[in-house]
Amino acid sequence: MPQEPARAVAASASVAAEASLPQRESPPPNTQQMSQTPTHSSREPELQEVEERKGPFTFGGQTFTVLAHNKRVPGKLGEFAQALASLDIADAAGAVLHHEEFPHAVENGEFTETCSVRVTPVAGSNGAGLLLDTGCLPSAPMSGGPWQIFGIVNGKLAPIGKPLYAEGEMGDFVPGKVSHMGNLTQILADELKIRLFTGYFFVSVKVRVNWMEGKLALAQHCFYQTGHGMAEGGCEMPVEGVERHPGEQELTFVRMFSESNEQIGTPAHVVVKRESRVEILAAKVLVTWEEGKDGIGLGVADDIWVEVRIDGKEGWIHSDEDLQAIGLYRAG
């Protein structure tokens, strides 16, 4: 399970355009302004201040500008030459409505940690706003987020839910489908798609955006009958980014179930040869949603089922042993 970040957080989209124009005395939107400011230590170089203006963005009948205040080490190049120090979202009159601070300590003439932000306007069927993606280096492998949405709630700029973070990547923002049935119009919720890493492959998880109430929620829940009533379990979903690494064994086997449930039916023992044709069809994954004080962590429960076709035989397998038999190994 990924850890909650200690830094300030924001949200993202899969595509974001950040234009940067030449420096001017009075920079227009999407430009950078640079000046010199001394550091706290005489042994470290003076840092340049670089201001990036992103926008203006208009939604909900209001206009906003995002200002990223960066620090730069003069003469340095590469990932640790510039760091995000703070971020403001201001209204049309210049009043700051949202402010965040970011770590940017300098040691031996370079930043020990650098953050950057990417901003994308999004417009759905139920609302519009900004998606912010704040990433910092160094970070753990596959560390995704935090991602933050801002929109209009009760007439004012406000975060839509808490920042999201996960072991994975931000996918697309998908406007809710609009359907017309006679005189009735059905508008489904807008959604974020997040490519969540299961340890074996990625699955696409949908997060519902509630603009009116300023909340986020999982878009899909699946319940199953048990001996003690209904209980939530994993949902079947497509898989992405599958990489198989078949072993050296000439012959092995897997326990293949007709359904993704050990309580239903007796598994068949299906032989897997080195030359067997193995296809990954789908997965059944229980997505976890852990909401803390500063954010929401998305993850997956341990028991992952995989629908496979082995030499024409279809069914469901799980357990590390069976998944390794078809060349799937848990990362990390």
Protein backbone atom coordinates (compact mmCIF):
# COMPACT_ATOMS: atom_id res chain seq x y z
CA MET A 1 0.00 0.00 0.00
CA PRO A 2 1.47 3.38 -0.96
CA GLN A 3 2.21 5.77 1.91
CA GLU A 4 0.48 9.09 2.31
CA PRO A 5 2.80 11.88 1.21
CA ALA A 6 3.89 14.46 3.76
CA ARG A 7 4.05 17.21 1.21
CA ALA A 8 1.19 19.37 0.01
CA VAL A 9 -0.88 17.67 -2.61
CA ALA A 10 -2.65 18.29 -5.88
CA ALA A 11 -4.25 16.33 -8.85
CA SER A 12 -3.49 15.42 -12.53
CA ALA A 13 -4.57 14.41 -15.98
CA SER A 14 -3.01 12.18 -18.62
CA VAL A 15 -2.32 15.19 -20.88
CA ALA A 16 -1.44 18.77 -19.89
CA ALA A 17 -0.17 21.70 -21.91
CA GLU A 18 2.17 24.04 -20.12
CA ALA A 19 3.35 26.86 -22.38
CA SER A 20 6.44 28.88 -21.52
CA LEU A 21 7.17 32.18 -23.33
CA PRO A 22 10.28 34.43 -23.24
CA GLN A 23 10.82 36.57 -20.15
CA ARG A 24 9.30 40.05 -20.07
CA GLU A 25 9.02 42.80 -17.48
CA SER A 26 5.27 42.23 -17.12
CA PRO A 27 4.73 38.56 -18.00
CA PRO A 28 1.46 37.57 -19.69
CA PRO A 29 -0.28 34.27 -18.78
CA ASN A 30 1.82 31.09 -19.11
CA THR A 31 5.18 32.86 -18.86
CA GLN A 32 8.13 32.80 -16.50
CA GLN A 33 9.65 35.68 -14.57
CA MET A 34 13.12 35.35 -13.01
CA SER A 35 14.93 37.32 -10.31
CA GLN A 36 17.75 36.81 -7.80
CA THR A 37 17.14 36.09 -4.12
CA PRO A 38 19.78 35.19 -1.50
CA THR A 39 19.77 31.83 0.25
CA HIS A 40 20.02 31.41 4.01
CA SER A 41 23.60 30.16 3.74
CA SER A 42 26.52 32.12 2.27
CA ARG A 43 28.09 28.84 1.20
CA GLU A 44 25.23 28.08 -1.19
CA PRO A 45 24.60 29.98 -4.44
CA GLU A 46 21.97 32.68 -4.71
CA LEU A 47 18.76 31.21 -6.10
CA GLN A 48 16.77 32.65 -8.96
CA GLU A 49 13.03 33.03 -8.54
CA VAL A 50 11.05 31.75 -11.51
CA GLU A 51 7.34 32.46 -11.61
CA GLU A 52 5.15 30.48 -14.01
CA ARG A 53 1.66 31.74 -14.79
CA LYS A 54 -0.76 29.12 -16.05
CA GLY A 55 -4.08 30.27 -17.43
CA PRO A 56 -6.31 32.16 -17.24
CA PHE A 57 -8.90 29.39 -16.86
CA THR A 58 -12.61 30.12 -16.87
CA PHE A 59 -15.23 27.77 -15.41
CA GLY A 60 -18.36 28.22 -13.34
CA GLY A 61 -18.59 31.80 -14.61
CA GLN A 62 -15.30 32.72 -12.88
CA THR A 63 -11.71 33.16 -14.05
CA PHE A 64 -8.61 31.85 -12.27
CA THR A 65 -4.84 31.85 -12.73
CA VAL A 66 -2.38 29.32 -11.31
CA LEU A 67 0.97 30.75 -10.22
CA ALA A 68 3.85 28.36 -9.63
CA HIS A 69 6.69 29.99 -7.66
CA ASN A 70 9.93 28.12 -8.42
CA LYS A 71 13.52 28.37 -7.22
CA ARG A 72 16.40 27.75 -9.62
CA VAL A 73 20.12 27.17 -9.05
CA PRO A 74 21.96 29.43 -11.54
CA GLY A 75 24.03 27.54 -14.10
CA LYS A 76 22.59 24.15 -13.17
CA LEU A 77 20.79 21.83 -15.57
CA GLY A 78 18.74 18.68 -15.08
CA GLU A 79 16.01 17.46 -12.73
CA PHE A 80 17.50 18.99 -9.57
CA ALA A 81 18.21 22.46 -11.01
CA GLN A 82 14.74 23.88 -10.30
CA ALA A 83 12.21 23.20 -7.55
CA LEU A 84 8.63 24.27 -6.91
CA ALA A 85 8.56 26.39 -3.73
CA SER A 86 4.89 27.36 -3.58
CA LEU A 87 1.68 27.33 -5.59
CA ASP A 88 -1.18 29.85 -5.68
CA ILE A 89 -4.58 29.84 -7.36
CA ALA A 90 -5.81 33.42 -7.75
CA ASP A 91 -9.09 34.89 -8.98
CA ALA A 92 -9.50 37.52 -11.70
CA ALA A 93 -8.80 40.31 -9.19
CA GLY A 94 -5.53 38.68 -8.09
CA ALA A 95 -6.80 37.49 -4.69
CA VAL A 96 -5.15 34.20 -3.67
CA LEU A 97 -7.81 31.56 -2.99
CA HIS A 98 -5.51 28.56 -2.53
CA HIS A 99 -1.87 28.40 -1.40
CA GLU A 100 0.54 25.49 -0.92
CA GLU A 101 4.20 25.25 0.17
CA PHE A 102 6.71 22.67 -1.07
CA PRO A 103 10.15 21.57 0.28
CA HIS A 104 13.16 22.93 -1.63
CA ALA A 105 16.33 22.61 0.48
CA VAL A 106 19.71 23.14 -1.24
CA GLU A 107 22.82 21.10 -0.46
CA ASN A 108 26.13 21.22 -2.32
CA GLY A 109 24.71 23.55 -4.93
CA GLU A 110 21.64 21.53 -5.87
CA PHE A 111 18.18 20.72 -4.53
CA THR A 112 17.87 17.55 -2.48
CA GLU A 113 14.20 17.28 -3.45
CA THR A 114 12.38 18.89 -6.35
CA CYS A 115 8.67 19.19 -7.04
CA SER A 116 6.81 20.36 -10.13
CA VAL A 117 3.16 20.86 -10.99
CA ARG A 118 1.15 20.26 -14.13
CA VAL A 119 -2.24 21.90 -14.61
CA THR A 120 -5.04 20.80 -16.94
CA PRO A 121 -8.51 22.32 -17.31
CA VAL A 122 -11.28 19.69 -17.41
CA ALA A 123 -14.90 20.06 -18.44
CA GLY A 124 -17.48 17.34 -17.83
CA SER A 125 -21.21 16.86 -18.18
CA ASN A 126 -21.84 17.96 -14.61
CA GLY A 127 -19.12 20.52 -13.88
CA ALA A 128 -15.69 21.89 -14.77
CA GLY A 129 -12.49 22.80 -13.02
CA LEU A 130 -8.75 22.15 -12.84
CA LEU A 131 -6.76 18.95 -12.47
CA LEU A 132 -3.41 19.45 -10.76
CA ASP A 133 -0.62 16.87 -10.71
CA THR A 134 2.21 17.57 -8.29
CA GLY A 135 5.16 15.20 -8.57
CA CYS A 136 8.36 15.20 -6.50
CA LEU A 137 11.77 13.59 -6.91
CA PRO A 138 13.18 11.40 -5.53
CA SER A 139 10.12 9.18 -5.18
CA ALA A 140 9.34 5.49 -4.81
CA PRO A 141 8.96 3.43 -8.02
CA MET A 142 5.41 3.52 -9.42
CA SER A 143 4.49 6.27 -6.95
CA GLY A 144 1.50 8.11 -8.41
CA GLY A 145 -0.02 11.40 -7.36
CA PRO A 146 -1.03 13.19 -5.39
CA TRP A 147 -3.74 14.35 -7.78
CA GLN A 148 -6.17 17.13 -6.87
CA ILE A 149 -9.28 18.54 -8.53
CA PHE A 150 -10.55 22.07 -7.94
CA GLY A 151 -14.01 23.26 -8.94
CA ILE A 152 -16.83 25.56 -7.92
CA VAL A 153 -18.76 24.48 -4.81
CA ASN A 154 -21.51 26.79 -3.52
CA GLY A 155 -20.20 29.55 -5.75
CA LYS A 156 -16.59 29.40 -4.51
CA LEU A 157 -13.38 27.71 -5.64
CA ALA A 158 -12.89 24.56 -3.56
CA PRO A 159 -11.10 21.20 -3.71
CA ILE A 160 -13.27 18.35 -5.00
CA GLY A 161 -12.55 15.70 -2.40
CA LYS A 162 -9.13 15.04 -0.91
CA PRO A 163 -5.96 14.53 -2.94
CA LEU A 164 -5.65 11.07 -4.50
CA TYR A 165 -2.48 9.00 -4.51
CA ALA A 166 -1.81 5.44 -5.64
CA GLU A 167 0.74 3.02 -6.98
CA GLY A 168 -0.05 3.75 -10.58
CA GLU A 169 -0.75 6.49 -13.10
CA MET A 170 -3.44 9.04 -13.84
CA GLY A 171 -5.53 8.12 -16.87
CA ASP A 172 -8.25 10.11 -18.62
CA PHE A 173 -10.95 12.43 -17.38
CA VAL A 174 -14.22 11.10 -18.84
CA PRO A 175 -17.35 13.31 -19.02
CA GLY A 176 -20.55 11.55 -17.97
CA LYS A 177 -22.58 10.01 -20.76
CA VAL A 178 -25.72 11.96 -21.70
CA SER A 179 -28.73 9.88 -22.82
CA HIS A 180 -32.08 11.12 -24.07
CA MET A 181 -35.14 8.93 -23.47
CA GLY A 182 -38.24 10.69 -24.77
CA ASN A 183 -38.65 13.84 -22.71
CA LEU A 184 -36.16 12.61 -20.11
CA THR A 185 -32.41 13.28 -20.12
CA GLN A 186 -30.06 11.08 -18.13
CA ILE A 187 -26.62 12.49 -17.25
CA LEU A 188 -24.15 10.09 -15.69
CA ALA A 189 -21.37 11.21 -13.35
CA ASP A 190 -18.04 12.50 -14.64
CA GLU A 191 -15.15 10.18 -13.86
CA LEU A 192 -11.40 10.01 -13.47
CA LYS A 193 -9.65 6.87 -14.68
CA ILE A 194 -6.61 5.74 -12.73
CA ARG A 195 -4.29 2.98 -13.94
CA LEU A 196 -3.77 1.11 -10.68
CA PHE A 197 -0.87 -1.33 -10.38
CA THR A 198 -1.83 -4.66 -8.81
CA GLY A 199 1.70 -5.99 -8.48
CA TYR A 200 1.26 -8.07 -11.64
CA PHE A 201 -0.32 -5.66 -14.13
CA PHE A 202 -2.48 -2.53 -14.32
CA VAL A 203 -6.24 -2.27 -14.02
CA SER A 204 -8.31 0.80 -14.88
CA VAL A 205 -10.17 2.11 -11.81
CA LYS A 206 -12.91 4.72 -12.13
CA VAL A 207 -13.36 7.49 -9.56
CA ARG A 208 -16.67 9.39 -9.62
CA VAL A 209 -16.47 13.22 -9.41
CA ASN A 210 -19.33 14.87 -7.51
CA TRP A 211 -18.95 18.56 -8.40
CA MET A 212 -22.01 19.73 -6.49
CA GLU A 213 -21.03 18.22 -3.13
CA GLY A 214 -17.27 18.52 -3.65
CA LYS A 215 -16.63 14.80 -3.17
CA LEU A 216 -14.92 11.83 -4.81
CA ALA A 217 -15.97 8.17 -4.62
CA LEU A 218 -15.22 4.83 -6.25
CA ALA A 219 -17.49 4.44 -9.25
CA GLN A 220 -17.77 0.64 -9.06
CA HIS A 221 -18.65 -1.70 -6.19
CA CYS A 222 -19.39 -5.41 -6.54
CA PHE A 223 -21.28 -7.51 -3.99
CA TYR A 224 -21.64 -11.28 -3.74
CA GLN A 225 -23.81 -13.71 -1.83
CA THR A 226 -22.07 -15.50 1.02
CA GLY A 227 -23.26 -17.84 3.72
CA HIS A 228 -23.74 -14.77 5.91
CA GLY A 229 -25.51 -12.53 3.40
CA MET A 230 -24.15 -10.10 0.84
CA ALA A 231 -20.53 -8.96 1.07
CA GLU A 232 -18.36 -6.71 -1.09
CA GLY A 233 -15.80 -8.45 -3.24
CA GLY A 234 -13.61 -7.74 -6.22
CA CYS A 235 -14.92 -6.46 -9.54
CA GLU A 236 -14.04 -7.93 -12.90
CA MET A 237 -12.15 -5.48 -15.10
CA PRO A 238 -9.82 -5.41 -18.12
CA VAL A 239 -6.06 -5.68 -17.58
CA GLU A 240 -3.32 -3.49 -19.07
CA GLY A 241 0.44 -3.68 -19.28
CA VAL A 242 0.72 -7.45 -18.81
CA GLU A 243 4.26 -8.84 -19.04
CA ARG A 244 4.66 -12.60 -18.83
CA HIS A 245 7.98 -14.26 -18.00
CA PRO A 246 7.55 -18.02 -18.49
CA GLY A 247 9.81 -20.18 -16.34
CA GLU A 248 12.24 -22.88 -17.34
CA GLN A 249 9.95 -25.79 -16.41
CA GLU A 250 8.91 -27.95 -19.32
CA LEU A 251 5.63 -28.88 -17.64
CA THR A 252 3.52 -27.61 -14.75
CA PHE A 253 -0.18 -27.11 -14.02
CA VAL A 254 -2.65 -24.61 -12.55
CA ARG A 255 -5.91 -24.98 -10.64
CA MET A 256 -8.50 -23.47 -12.97
CA PHE A 257 -11.94 -22.51 -11.61
CA SER A 258 -15.06 -21.94 -13.70
CA GLU A 259 -15.76 -18.76 -11.71
CA SER A 260 -13.64 -16.38 -9.65
CA ASN A 261 -14.73 -18.06 -6.43
CA GLU A 262 -13.16 -21.07 -4.73
CA GLN A 263 -16.51 -21.96 -3.14
CA ILE A 264 -18.13 -22.66 -6.51
CA GLY A 265 -17.24 -25.94 -8.21
CA THR A 266 -14.14 -28.09 -8.22
CA PRO A 267 -11.06 -26.72 -9.98
CA ALA A 268 -9.66 -28.46 -13.01
CA HIS A 269 -5.94 -29.21 -13.13
CA VAL A 270 -4.84 -27.68 -16.43
CA VAL A 271 -1.40 -28.50 -17.79
CA VAL A 272 0.87 -25.60 -18.75
CA LYS A 273 3.79 -26.37 -21.08
CA ARG A 274 6.64 -24.06 -22.00
CA GLU A 275 5.15 -23.78 -25.50
CA SER A 276 1.53 -23.39 -24.30
CA ARG A 277 -0.47 -20.48 -25.67
CA VAL A 278 -1.50 -18.40 -22.63
CA GLU A 279 -3.85 -15.41 -22.92
CA ILE A 280 -4.77 -13.02 -20.10
CA LEU A 281 -8.43 -12.07 -20.52
CA ALA A 282 -9.46 -10.13 -17.41
CA ALA A 283 -8.91 -9.72 -13.68
CA LYS A 284 -11.05 -9.61 -10.57
CA VAL A 285 -9.66 -7.08 -8.11
CA LEU A 286 -10.96 -5.59 -4.87
CA VAL A 287 -9.95 -1.93 -4.90
CA THR A 288 -9.24 -0.44 -1.47
CA TRP A 289 -10.06 3.17 -0.58
CA GLU A 290 -8.24 4.49 2.49
CA GLU A 291 -9.17 8.05 3.40
CA GLY A 292 -6.89 9.84 5.82
CA LYS A 293 -6.59 13.38 7.09
CA ASP A 294 -4.54 14.62 4.13
CA GLY A 295 -5.59 12.39 1.25
CA ILE A 296 -7.09 9.23 -0.20
CA GLY A 297 -4.94 6.20 -0.98
CA LEU A 298 -6.06 3.75 -3.66
CA GLY A 299 -4.77 0.20 -3.57
CA VAL A 300 -5.74 -3.43 -4.15
CA ALA A 301 -6.48 -6.30 -1.78
CA ASP A 302 -4.09 -9.27 -1.82
CA ASP A 303 -6.32 -11.89 -3.47
CA ILE A 304 -6.19 -11.21 -7.22
CA TRP A 305 -8.04 -13.45 -9.65
CA VAL A 306 -7.03 -13.68 -13.32
CA GLU A 307 -9.17 -15.01 -16.17
CA VAL A 308 -6.97 -16.93 -18.59
CA ARG A 309 -7.16 -19.02 -21.74
CA ILE A 310 -4.55 -21.80 -21.81
CA ASP A 311 -4.38 -23.75 -25.06
CA GLY A 312 -8.07 -23.00 -25.61
CA LYS A 313 -9.25 -23.79 -22.05
CA GLU A 314 -10.78 -20.78 -20.24
CA GLY A 315 -11.22 -20.20 -16.55
CA TRP A 316 -10.03 -18.34 -13.45
CA ILE A 317 -6.85 -18.79 -11.44
CA HIS A 318 -5.35 -17.10 -8.38
CA SER A 319 -2.61 -17.57 -5.76
CA ASP A 320 1.02 -16.69 -6.39
CA GLU A 321 1.86 -20.30 -7.26
CA ASP A 322 -0.68 -20.55 -10.08
CA LEU A 323 0.08 -17.07 -11.42
CA GLN A 324 3.80 -17.87 -11.48
CA ALA A 325 3.00 -21.06 -13.41
CA ILE A 326 1.77 -18.91 -16.32
CA GLY A 327 4.68 -16.46 -16.03
CA LEU A 328 3.17 -13.71 -13.84
CA TYR A 329 5.36 -12.61 -10.93
CA ARG A 330 4.50 -10.01 -8.32
CA ALA A 331 6.75 -6.96 -8.50
CA GLY A 332 8.39 -5.59 -5.37
